Amino acid sequence: MKKKVISIVLTMVMAASLAACGSSATSTATSTAASSAASVTASATTSTAASTTTSTAASTGTAAASAATTSATASGKAVTDMKIAYVPTTMNNPFWTAMMGGVKEEMKAKNMDPDTQLVTVDAESDQAKMNNYVYDLINQKVDAIILAPMDCTAVTEALQACADAKIPVINVDTAVDRTDLVASVIASDNYKAGVDCANDMLSKLDKGSKIYVMDQPSGSACVQREKGFLDTIGNSYTVIGTSDTSGDTAKSLPVAEDAITADSELKAFFCINDMAALGCVQACAAANRKDILIYGVDGNPDFMGYVKDGSATGSAAQQPSVVGANAVDTALDYLAGKTVEKNIVVPVEMITADNISKFDISAWQ
């Protein structure tokens, strides 16, 4: 995988209008909280995702890893005795398993044992279920939680519970509404991901063409990607439809099929992630519409094959293992009483058929 030295960019706290999310999932705690505790298991899966240095301070890089391995937290607890929880939106997406790989590798670099010190859960894209898992983790007295919400509004009461329990939350990928309740937000440059897709489309598609957007209003990262895309295309194209397909292939496929059938002049799809874009690829293949441009965001290795063979046009690639590694570093720094950056932005890279040969598409970037 192409090695990168990541520059951490300090940004202002995201504007409320940019991070506004829907409430498709309820945040009400249910009686399943107790029973879901049995589902919380210590992770025993290995990963090869590489940890990456950042420019914030030497302590977050690999050069300082061994020096930090036996340090104590502000409460006097040794790093080797701590437990970190990883709570992604779902584990049914290779993006989140790649991020977990970064978490595990960085824990190892700090002389932590992911097999015994990392607790993972699968919320299965259900915010109510995620909230219940968070309550379980609080009862287990984990030391820090790395969390990516399904619904950035409905997660609020779980975040408040963490704040009340004095358990720091490192918010990854999708910024929550209440960023005051988390220690740090670590995410890809989602706005630029949309900008990059738009610029590539502008270079390939005639102005005035009809396009369709697959979005997900409940996720602030997805909102940023869509905003970056729409801001950049301006009035260049006619958006004939926008559908919330939750970044899910099974949901985007029928929507794409209907859009293609309804308007034979449709020329492009912009999707907020590669999984939604995959549904468009399948729909276009079934309709024999090789002329339709298809853009996604993530750089999912499974999707890159379609970019390589021309079935898809491009993807703004994220670096989930880098986000995961930074989350571990930030959690440990916070627990050690250090000041941590409130917003950490990880760059994206636009990958198309024009430059795909420069990347190892067998792995995440």
Protein backbone atom coordinates (compact mmCIF):
# COMPACT_ATOMS: atom_id res chain seq x y z
CA MET A 1 0.00 0.00 0.00
CA LYS A 2 1.25 3.42 -0.86
CA LYS A 3 2.86 4.96 2.21
CA LYS A 4 1.87 8.45 3.24
CA VAL A 5 2.91 10.95 5.85
CA ILE A 6 -0.32 12.55 6.92
CA SER A 7 -0.59 16.21 7.76
CA ILE A 8 -3.20 16.94 10.40
CA VAL A 9 -5.19 19.97 9.40
CA LEU A 10 -6.85 21.97 12.12
CA THR A 11 -10.34 23.01 11.16
CA MET A 12 -13.04 25.02 12.86
CA VAL A 13 -15.89 23.10 14.41
CA MET A 14 -18.29 22.08 11.64
CA ALA A 15 -21.19 24.44 11.11
CA ALA A 16 -24.51 23.20 12.37
CA SER A 17 -26.04 23.44 8.93
CA LEU A 18 -23.31 21.21 7.50
CA ALA A 19 -23.60 18.58 10.20
CA ALA A 20 -27.38 18.56 10.34
CA CYS A 21 -28.64 14.99 10.33
CA GLY A 22 -31.89 13.17 9.98
CA SER A 23 -33.50 11.12 12.71
CA SER A 24 -34.11 7.88 10.86
CA ALA A 25 -33.07 5.87 13.90
CA THR A 26 -34.49 6.35 17.37
CA SER A 27 -32.16 7.12 20.26
CA THR A 28 -34.48 5.78 22.95
CA ALA A 29 -32.91 3.18 25.21
CA THR A 30 -34.80 -0.10 25.28
CA SER A 31 -34.90 -3.14 27.45
CA THR A 32 -32.44 -4.84 25.13
CA ALA A 33 -29.58 -3.06 26.87
CA ALA A 34 -29.00 -5.87 29.31
CA SER A 35 -29.26 -8.65 26.78
CA SER A 36 -26.99 -6.93 24.29
CA ALA A 37 -24.15 -7.05 26.79
CA ALA A 38 -23.65 -10.67 25.85
CA SER A 39 -22.93 -9.59 22.31
CA VAL A 40 -20.04 -7.37 23.33
CA THR A 41 -16.90 -9.39 22.76
CA ALA A 42 -13.21 -8.80 22.95
CA SER A 43 -11.88 -8.62 19.43
CA ALA A 44 -9.64 -11.48 18.36
CA THR A 45 -9.27 -10.72 14.71
CA THR A 46 -5.90 -9.83 13.25
CA SER A 47 -5.30 -7.14 10.65
CA THR A 48 -2.49 -5.91 8.48
CA ALA A 49 -3.54 -2.28 8.26
CA ALA A 50 -0.50 -0.08 8.82
CA SER A 51 -0.32 2.72 11.39
CA THR A 52 0.77 6.05 9.98
CA THR A 53 2.62 9.00 11.42
CA THR A 54 0.99 12.39 11.76
CA SER A 55 2.41 15.86 12.04
CA THR A 56 0.75 16.90 15.29
CA ALA A 57 3.60 15.85 17.56
CA ALA A 58 6.28 13.23 17.75
CA SER A 59 4.29 11.40 20.41
CA THR A 60 1.70 10.40 17.84
CA GLY A 61 4.25 8.89 15.50
CA THR A 62 5.86 5.49 15.51
CA ALA A 63 9.17 6.95 16.70
CA ALA A 64 7.60 7.65 20.08
CA ALA A 65 5.51 4.50 20.29
CA SER A 66 7.77 2.55 22.63
CA ALA A 67 8.16 5.53 24.94
CA ALA A 68 4.42 5.67 25.44
CA THR A 69 3.82 1.99 26.01
CA THR A 70 4.18 1.89 29.77
CA SER A 71 3.03 5.41 30.56
CA ALA A 72 0.18 5.90 32.97
CA THR A 73 -2.99 7.82 32.39
CA ALA A 74 -3.87 10.95 34.33
CA SER A 75 -5.71 8.66 36.78
CA GLY A 76 -2.59 6.57 37.28
CA LYS A 77 -3.81 3.58 35.27
CA ALA A 78 -1.15 1.92 33.11
CA VAL A 79 -1.74 1.84 29.35
CA THR A 80 -1.29 -1.92 29.43
CA ASP A 81 -4.26 -2.17 31.81
CA MET A 82 -6.67 -0.04 29.77
CA LYS A 83 -9.50 -1.11 27.51
CA ILE A 84 -10.61 0.72 24.37
CA ALA A 85 -13.95 0.09 22.67
CA TYR A 86 -14.48 0.32 18.91
CA VAL A 87 -18.07 1.14 17.94
CA PRO A 88 -18.47 1.58 14.15
CA THR A 89 -21.71 2.08 12.26
CA THR A 90 -21.58 -1.54 11.08
CA MET A 91 -19.07 -4.30 10.55
CA ASN A 92 -20.81 -5.27 7.31
CA ASN A 93 -18.60 -2.89 5.33
CA PRO A 94 -14.87 -3.40 4.67
CA PHE A 95 -14.24 0.28 5.40
CA TRP A 96 -14.92 -0.31 9.08
CA THR A 97 -12.87 -3.51 9.27
CA ALA A 98 -9.98 -1.61 7.65
CA MET A 99 -10.31 1.11 10.29
CA MET A 100 -10.31 -1.54 13.00
CA GLY A 101 -7.08 -2.84 11.48
CA GLY A 102 -5.52 0.58 12.02
CA VAL A 103 -6.79 0.59 15.60
CA LYS A 104 -5.25 -2.80 16.30
CA GLU A 105 -1.89 -2.04 14.72
CA GLU A 106 -1.52 1.21 16.65
CA MET A 107 -2.46 -0.53 19.90
CA LYS A 108 0.28 -3.07 19.23
CA ALA A 109 2.71 -0.21 18.59
CA LYS A 110 1.87 1.02 22.09
CA ASN A 111 2.50 -2.44 23.57
CA MET A 112 -1.22 -2.99 24.05
CA ASP A 113 -2.83 -6.35 23.31
CA PRO A 114 -5.88 -5.95 21.03
CA ASP A 115 -7.01 -9.47 21.89
CA THR A 116 -7.61 -8.49 25.52
CA GLN A 117 -7.70 -4.69 25.49
CA LEU A 118 -9.96 -3.97 22.50
CA VAL A 119 -13.72 -4.43 22.77
CA THR A 120 -15.70 -4.38 19.52
CA VAL A 121 -19.42 -4.32 18.78
CA ASP A 122 -21.52 -4.37 15.63
CA ALA A 123 -24.48 -1.98 15.70
CA GLU A 124 -25.64 -3.23 12.29
CA SER A 125 -26.48 0.30 11.11
CA ASP A 126 -29.02 0.68 13.92
CA GLN A 127 -28.50 3.74 16.13
CA ALA A 128 -30.80 2.48 18.90
CA LYS A 129 -28.75 -0.72 19.05
CA MET A 130 -25.52 1.30 19.07
CA ASN A 131 -26.76 3.40 21.98
CA ASN A 132 -27.56 0.26 23.95
CA TYR A 133 -24.09 -1.10 23.28
CA VAL A 134 -22.59 2.16 24.51
CA TYR A 135 -24.52 1.84 27.78
CA ASP A 136 -23.13 -1.70 28.13
CA LEU A 137 -19.61 -0.42 27.54
CA ILE A 138 -20.07 2.23 30.21
CA ASN A 139 -21.14 -0.51 32.64
CA GLN A 140 -18.01 -2.46 31.66
CA LYS A 141 -15.99 0.64 32.57
CA VAL A 142 -13.98 0.81 29.36
CA ASP A 143 -11.45 3.64 29.37
CA ALA A 144 -12.26 5.21 25.98
CA ILE A 145 -14.65 4.69 23.09
CA ILE A 146 -13.90 5.13 19.38
CA LEU A 147 -17.29 5.72 17.79
CA ALA A 148 -18.81 6.38 14.35
CA PRO A 149 -22.54 7.15 14.58
CA MET A 150 -25.24 5.92 12.23
CA ASP A 151 -27.35 8.94 13.13
CA CYS A 152 -25.42 11.94 14.37
CA THR A 153 -28.44 13.38 16.19
CA ALA A 154 -29.88 10.21 17.74
CA VAL A 155 -26.50 9.28 19.22
CA THR A 156 -26.59 12.32 21.53
CA GLU A 157 -28.02 10.64 24.63
CA ALA A 158 -25.37 7.90 24.46
CA LEU A 159 -22.67 10.57 24.21
CA GLN A 160 -24.17 12.36 27.20
CA ALA A 161 -24.06 9.10 29.15
CA CYS A 162 -20.36 8.77 28.30
CA ALA A 163 -19.70 12.34 29.38
CA ASP A 164 -21.52 11.73 32.67
CA ALA A 165 -19.38 8.61 33.21
CA LYS A 166 -16.25 10.58 32.28
CA ILE A 167 -15.41 8.17 29.45
CA PRO A 168 -13.86 10.05 26.50
CA VAL A 169 -15.32 9.44 23.06
CA ILE A 170 -13.17 9.76 19.95
CA ASN A 171 -15.63 10.48 17.14
CA VAL A 172 -14.47 9.06 13.79
CA ASP A 173 -15.60 9.45 10.18
CA THR A 174 -18.97 11.13 10.73
CA ALA A 175 -19.13 14.12 13.06
CA VAL A 176 -21.86 14.02 15.68
CA ASP A 177 -24.15 16.99 16.23
CA ARG A 178 -22.93 17.54 19.79
CA THR A 179 -19.19 17.76 19.23
CA ASP A 180 -18.91 19.32 22.69
CA LEU A 181 -19.57 15.83 24.08
CA VAL A 182 -16.59 14.21 22.35
CA ALA A 183 -12.86 14.61 22.94
CA SER A 184 -11.95 14.81 19.25
CA VAL A 185 -13.41 14.38 15.77
CA ILE A 186 -11.18 12.49 13.32
CA ALA A 187 -12.42 12.21 9.77
CA SER A 188 -11.49 12.25 6.12
CA ASP A 189 -11.78 15.53 4.24
CA ASN A 190 -15.33 14.71 3.23
CA TYR A 191 -16.13 18.04 1.62
CA LYS A 192 -13.08 17.73 -0.62
CA ALA A 193 -14.13 14.18 -1.55
CA GLY A 194 -17.27 15.65 -3.10
CA VAL A 195 -15.28 18.45 -4.72
CA ASP A 196 -12.84 15.98 -6.30
CA CYS A 197 -15.65 13.85 -7.75
CA ALA A 198 -17.34 16.96 -9.14
CA ASN A 199 -14.17 18.27 -10.75
CA ASP A 200 -13.54 14.95 -12.45
CA MET A 201 -17.13 14.84 -13.69
CA LEU A 202 -16.82 18.41 -15.02
CA SER A 203 -13.78 17.32 -17.02
CA LYS A 204 -15.65 14.41 -18.63
CA LEU A 205 -19.34 15.25 -18.91
CA ASP A 206 -20.97 17.91 -21.08
CA LYS A 207 -22.64 20.80 -19.28
CA GLY A 208 -26.40 20.58 -19.15
CA SER A 209 -26.33 16.79 -18.73
CA LYS A 210 -28.76 15.06 -16.40
CA ILE A 211 -27.38 13.46 -13.23
CA TYR A 212 -28.71 11.64 -10.15
CA VAL A 213 -27.49 11.81 -6.53
CA MET A 214 -27.55 9.00 -3.94
CA ASP A 215 -27.19 10.60 -0.50
CA GLN A 216 -27.62 9.88 3.22
CA PRO A 217 -28.83 12.93 5.19
CA SER A 218 -28.47 11.18 8.56
CA GLY A 219 -24.67 11.19 8.32
CA SER A 220 -22.78 14.50 8.50
CA ALA A 221 -19.86 13.04 6.53
CA CYS A 222 -22.28 12.15 3.74
CA VAL A 223 -23.85 15.60 3.93
CA GLN A 224 -20.41 17.16 3.51
CA ARG A 225 -19.60 14.99 0.49
CA GLU A 226 -22.88 15.91 -1.18
CA LYS A 227 -22.39 19.59 -0.39
CA GLY A 228 -18.85 19.59 -1.78
CA PHE A 229 -20.13 17.96 -4.96
CA LEU A 230 -23.13 20.25 -5.45
CA ASP A 231 -21.21 23.42 -4.58
CA THR A 232 -18.62 22.54 -7.22
CA ILE A 233 -20.93 21.59 -10.09
CA GLY A 234 -23.06 24.68 -9.50
CA ASN A 235 -25.52 25.03 -12.37
CA SER A 236 -23.47 22.92 -14.76
CA TYR A 237 -25.80 19.92 -14.59
CA THR A 238 -29.47 19.14 -14.03
CA VAL A 239 -29.99 16.99 -10.94
CA ILE A 240 -33.10 14.99 -11.89
CA GLY A 241 -33.34 13.18 -8.57
CA THR A 242 -31.86 12.69 -5.10
CA SER A 243 -32.53 9.59 -2.98
CA ASP A 244 -31.48 8.57 0.51
CA THR A 245 -30.16 5.05 -0.02
CA SER A 246 -28.19 4.90 3.28
CA GLY A 247 -24.97 4.10 1.42
CA ASP A 248 -26.33 0.58 0.84
CA THR A 249 -25.98 -1.41 -2.38
CA ALA A 250 -29.30 -3.20 -1.95
CA LYS A 251 -31.10 0.13 -1.59
CA SER A 252 -29.31 2.02 -4.36
CA LEU A 253 -29.75 -0.74 -6.97
CA PRO A 254 -33.55 -0.44 -7.41
CA VAL A 255 -33.38 3.36 -7.22
CA ALA A 256 -30.75 3.41 -9.96
CA GLU A 257 -32.77 0.98 -12.07
CA ASP A 258 -35.84 3.22 -11.80
CA ALA A 259 -33.84 6.35 -12.63
CA ILE A 260 -32.34 4.75 -15.74
CA THR A 261 -35.74 3.54 -16.89
CA ALA A 262 -37.46 6.86 -16.21
CA ASP A 263 -35.03 9.02 -18.18
CA SER A 264 -32.97 7.70 -21.09
CA GLU A 265 -30.91 10.92 -21.04
CA LEU A 266 -29.46 10.22 -17.59
CA LYS A 267 -25.67 10.57 -17.84
CA ALA A 268 -24.16 10.22 -14.34
CA PHE A 269 -24.59 9.12 -10.74
CA PHE A 270 -22.86 10.70 -7.75
CA CYS A 271 -22.99 8.48 -4.64
CA ILE A 272 -21.90 9.30 -1.10
CA ASN A 273 -19.98 6.03 -0.83
CA ASP A 274 -18.73 3.15 -2.94
CA MET A 275 -21.36 0.71 -1.67
CA ALA A 276 -24.14 2.91 -3.04
CA ALA A 277 -22.16 3.37 -6.24
CA LEU A 278 -21.91 -0.40 -6.61
CA GLY A 279 -25.70 -0.56 -6.86
CA CYS A 280 -25.50 1.94 -9.73
CA VAL A 281 -22.82 -0.17 -11.44
CA GLN A 282 -25.08 -3.21 -11.27
CA ALA A 283 -28.09 -1.26 -12.57
CA CYS A 284 -26.12 0.20 -15.49
CA ALA A 285 -24.75 -3.23 -16.39
CA ALA A 286 -28.25 -4.73 -16.40
CA ALA A 287 -29.50 -1.90 -18.64
CA ASN A 288 -26.41 -2.03 -20.88
CA ARG A 289 -25.75 1.66 -20.16
CA LYS A 290 -21.96 1.79 -20.31
CA ASP A 291 -22.13 5.52 -21.10
CA ILE A 292 -23.28 6.53 -17.60
CA LEU A 293 -20.56 7.93 -15.31
CA ILE A 294 -20.55 6.59 -11.74
CA TYR A 295 -18.74 8.17 -8.80
CA GLY A 296 -18.35 6.96 -5.22
CA VAL A 297 -16.39 7.84 -2.11
CA ASP A 298 -14.19 5.51 0.00
CA GLY A 299 -11.64 3.80 -2.26
CA ASN A 300 -13.06 0.40 -1.34
CA PRO A 301 -10.73 -2.23 -2.85
CA ASP A 302 -13.78 -4.23 -3.98
CA PHE A 303 -15.05 -1.20 -5.89
CA MET A 304 -11.67 -0.32 -7.42
CA GLY A 305 -11.91 -3.29 -9.78
CA TYR A 306 -14.94 -1.64 -11.40
CA VAL A 307 -13.03 1.62 -11.77
CA LYS A 308 -10.17 -0.27 -13.38
CA ASP A 309 -12.37 -2.02 -15.96
CA GLY A 310 -14.38 1.12 -16.70
CA SER A 311 -17.67 0.01 -15.14
CA ALA A 312 -17.33 2.87 -12.65
CA THR A 313 -15.67 6.24 -13.19
CA GLY A 314 -13.91 7.04 -9.95
CA SER A 315 -13.80 7.19 -6.16
CA ALA A 316 -12.42 9.70 -3.69
CA ALA A 317 -10.36 7.29 -1.60
CA GLN A 318 -10.21 7.50 2.18
CA GLN A 319 -7.55 6.10 4.50
CA PRO A 320 -9.50 4.29 7.24
CA SER A 321 -6.46 2.65 8.82
CA VAL A 322 -4.93 6.09 9.33
CA VAL A 323 -8.11 7.34 10.97
CA GLY A 324 -8.11 4.30 13.26
CA ALA A 325 -4.46 4.76 14.24
CA ASN A 326 -4.98 8.45 14.95
CA ALA A 327 -8.01 7.60 17.09
CA VAL A 328 -5.92 5.34 19.33
CA ASP A 329 -3.17 7.96 19.67
CA THR A 330 -5.71 10.66 20.50
CA ALA A 331 -7.48 8.48 23.07
CA LEU A 332 -4.23 7.64 24.85
CA ASP A 333 -3.08 11.27 24.82
CA TYR A 334 -6.40 12.40 26.25
CA LEU A 335 -6.28 9.78 28.99
CA ALA A 336 -2.73 10.87 29.80
CA GLY A 337 -4.01 14.38 30.46
CA LYS A 338 -2.59 15.91 27.29
CA THR A 339 -4.36 18.50 25.17
CA VAL A 340 -5.66 16.90 21.98
CA GLU A 341 -6.75 18.50 18.72
CA LYS A 342 -10.51 18.92 18.50
CA ASN A 343 -10.63 18.31 14.75
CA ILE A 344 -8.22 16.12 12.78
CA VAL A 345 -8.69 15.87 9.03
CA VAL A 346 -7.19 13.06 6.95
CA PRO A 347 -6.73 13.76 3.19
CA VAL A 348 -8.50 11.86 0.40
CA GLU A 349 -7.17 10.88 -3.03
CA MET A 350 -9.20 10.83 -6.25
CA ILE A 351 -8.72 7.54 -8.09
CA THR A 352 -9.91 7.11 -11.68
CA ALA A 353 -8.91 4.96 -14.64
CA ASP A 354 -6.41 7.70 -15.49
CA ASN A 355 -4.26 7.19 -12.38
CA ILE A 356 -5.33 3.86 -10.91
CA SER A 357 -2.08 2.19 -11.98
CA LYS A 358 -0.26 4.31 -9.39
CA PHE A 359 -2.16 2.70 -6.50
CA ASP A 360 -2.24 -0.69 -4.87
CA ILE A 361 -5.96 -1.28 -5.28
CA SER A 362 -5.79 -4.61 -3.47
CA ALA A 363 -5.81 -2.67 -0.21
CA TRP A 364 -7.19 0.53 1.24
CA GLN A 365 -5.09 3.60 0.58
